[in-house]
């Protein structure tokens, strides 16, 4: 049995099922929250805790600067959304939902900027 921190196939599969169901709920406008329905965002990824009891959904607004609005609206509705997901998913236990803003693009952009900075580019050329 490996003790790596990489997610298991079960965690990945459950996360992907929940991501699809969440995207469906938001796309169809099933939350009934006018603010949430007005905000445009995507569900980038859902990470499961090892015991599958917590699903952390990473969301990214399509409009820059609306991160806080999206996070607040999702969090305010998380229990209701959880109730909407339960019948769509064939899971013994419906995990608690948490929402976070996806920052992977920001991180990738920072790395790109660092790699192209003159100082680092100069070091890379030497090798």
Protein backbone atom coordinates (compact mmCIF):
# COMPACT_ATOMS: atom_id res chain seq x y z
CA UNK A 1 0.00 0.00 0.00
CA UNK A 2 1.50 3.33 -1.03
CA UNK A 3 1.39 6.34 1.25
CA UNK A 4 1.84 8.97 -1.43
CA UNK A 5 -0.15 12.18 -1.29
CA UNK A 6 -1.43 11.66 -4.83
CA UNK A 7 -5.20 11.27 -5.01
CA UNK A 8 -6.53 7.74 -5.48
CA UNK A 9 -8.52 6.71 -8.57
CA UNK A 10 -11.61 6.67 -6.35
CA UNK A 11 -10.99 10.27 -5.23
CA UNK A 12 -10.38 11.40 -8.83
CA UNK A 13 -13.49 9.62 -10.13
CA UNK A 14 -15.72 11.03 -7.36
CA UNK A 15 -14.30 14.53 -7.92
CA UNK A 16 -14.98 14.37 -11.64
CA UNK A 17 -18.56 13.10 -11.09
CA UNK A 18 -19.24 15.97 -8.71
CA UNK A 19 -17.61 18.51 -11.05
CA UNK A 20 -19.92 17.43 -13.90
CA UNK A 21 -23.01 17.53 -11.67
CA UNK A 22 -22.06 20.97 -10.29
CA UNK A 23 -21.44 22.39 -13.76
CA UNK A 24 -24.86 21.02 -14.78
CA UNK A 25 -26.62 22.66 -11.80
CA UNK A 26 -25.00 26.03 -12.54
CA UNK A 27 -25.57 25.79 -16.30
CA UNK A 28 -29.28 25.02 -15.87
CA UNK A 29 -29.71 27.77 -13.26
CA UNK A 30 -31.12 25.40 -10.65
CA UNK A 31 -29.92 27.24 -7.53
CA UNK A 32 -32.72 29.82 -7.53
CA UNK A 33 -30.27 32.51 -6.34
CA UNK A 34 -30.51 35.45 -8.77
CA UNK A 35 -26.98 36.67 -7.95
CA UNK A 36 -25.47 33.23 -8.48
CA UNK A 37 -27.37 32.83 -11.75
CA UNK A 38 -26.13 36.21 -12.99
CA UNK A 39 -22.45 35.47 -12.27
CA UNK A 40 -20.58 33.62 -15.00
CA UNK A 41 -17.96 31.16 -13.81
CA UNK A 42 -16.63 27.70 -14.47
CA UNK A 43 -16.02 24.76 -12.15
CA UNK A 44 -12.39 23.96 -12.98
CA UNK A 45 -11.81 21.01 -10.67
CA UNK A 46 -13.26 19.22 -7.64
CA UNK A 47 -10.79 17.70 -5.19
CA UNK A 48 -11.99 15.05 -2.77
CA UNK A 49 -10.69 14.43 0.73
CA UNK A 50 -9.25 10.89 1.14
CA UNK A 51 -12.39 9.77 3.05
CA UNK A 52 -14.61 11.30 0.29
CA UNK A 53 -16.48 13.37 2.91
CA UNK A 54 -15.38 16.79 1.64
CA UNK A 55 -15.52 17.99 -1.96
CA UNK A 56 -13.60 21.20 -2.64
CA UNK A 57 -14.78 22.82 -5.86
CA UNK A 58 -12.35 25.22 -7.53
CA UNK A 59 -14.25 27.88 -9.46
CA UNK A 60 -13.01 30.56 -11.83
CA UNK A 61 -15.07 33.62 -12.74
CA UNK A 62 -15.16 34.48 -16.44
CA UNK A 63 -15.01 38.19 -15.48
CA UNK A 64 -11.78 39.27 -13.78
CA UNK A 65 -12.43 40.89 -10.41
CA UNK A 66 -15.58 38.90 -9.56
CA UNK A 67 -13.75 36.27 -7.52
CA UNK A 68 -15.15 37.43 -4.17
CA UNK A 69 -18.72 37.71 -5.50
CA UNK A 70 -18.57 34.19 -6.98
CA UNK A 71 -17.04 32.69 -3.84
CA UNK A 72 -19.58 34.41 -1.57
CA UNK A 73 -22.58 33.35 -3.69
CA UNK A 74 -21.39 29.74 -3.96
CA UNK A 75 -20.61 29.49 -0.25
CA UNK A 76 -23.96 31.05 0.71
CA UNK A 77 -25.73 28.35 -1.33
CA UNK A 78 -23.44 25.37 -0.62
CA UNK A 79 -25.94 23.38 1.47
CA UNK A 80 -28.75 23.92 -1.03
CA UNK A 81 -26.45 22.99 -3.92
CA UNK A 82 -25.40 19.86 -2.02
CA UNK A 83 -29.10 18.91 -1.84
CA UNK A 84 -29.47 19.43 -5.60
CA UNK A 85 -26.44 17.21 -6.31
CA UNK A 86 -27.44 14.25 -4.14
CA UNK A 87 -30.14 12.83 -6.49
CA UNK A 88 -27.85 13.31 -9.52
CA UNK A 89 -25.01 11.30 -8.01
CA UNK A 90 -24.94 7.62 -7.24
CA UNK A 91 -22.88 8.01 -4.07
CA UNK A 92 -23.50 6.35 -0.70
CA UNK A 93 -22.56 9.55 1.12
CA UNK A 94 -22.98 13.05 -0.30
CA UNK A 95 -19.85 15.00 0.68
CA UNK A 96 -19.84 18.45 2.23
CA UNK A 97 -19.18 21.10 -0.41
CA UNK A 98 -16.53 23.77 -0.13
CA UNK A 99 -15.76 26.40 -2.71
CA UNK A 100 -12.39 27.98 -3.47
CA UNK A 101 -11.21 30.30 -6.21
CA UNK A 102 -9.02 28.52 -8.75
CA UNK A 103 -5.64 30.25 -8.94
CA UNK A 104 -3.83 27.79 -11.24
CA UNK A 105 -3.80 30.26 -14.15
CA UNK A 106 -2.32 32.99 -11.94
CA UNK A 107 0.36 30.55 -10.79
CA UNK A 108 1.17 29.44 -14.36
CA UNK A 109 1.34 33.09 -15.42
CA UNK A 110 3.76 33.91 -12.56
CA UNK A 111 6.02 30.98 -13.47
CA UNK A 112 6.00 32.09 -17.11
CA UNK A 113 6.93 35.65 -16.11
CA UNK A 114 9.78 34.37 -13.91
CA UNK A 115 11.13 32.09 -16.65
CA UNK A 116 11.14 34.98 -19.11
CA UNK A 117 12.73 37.53 -16.77
CA UNK A 118 16.17 38.58 -18.13
CA UNK A 119 18.02 37.33 -15.03
CA UNK A 120 16.54 33.80 -15.15
CA UNK A 121 16.69 33.61 -18.97
CA UNK A 122 20.42 34.46 -18.77
CA UNK A 123 20.99 31.65 -16.21
CA UNK A 124 19.07 29.16 -18.36
CA UNK A 125 21.14 30.03 -21.46
CA UNK A 126 24.40 29.31 -19.59
CA UNK A 127 23.32 25.71 -19.05
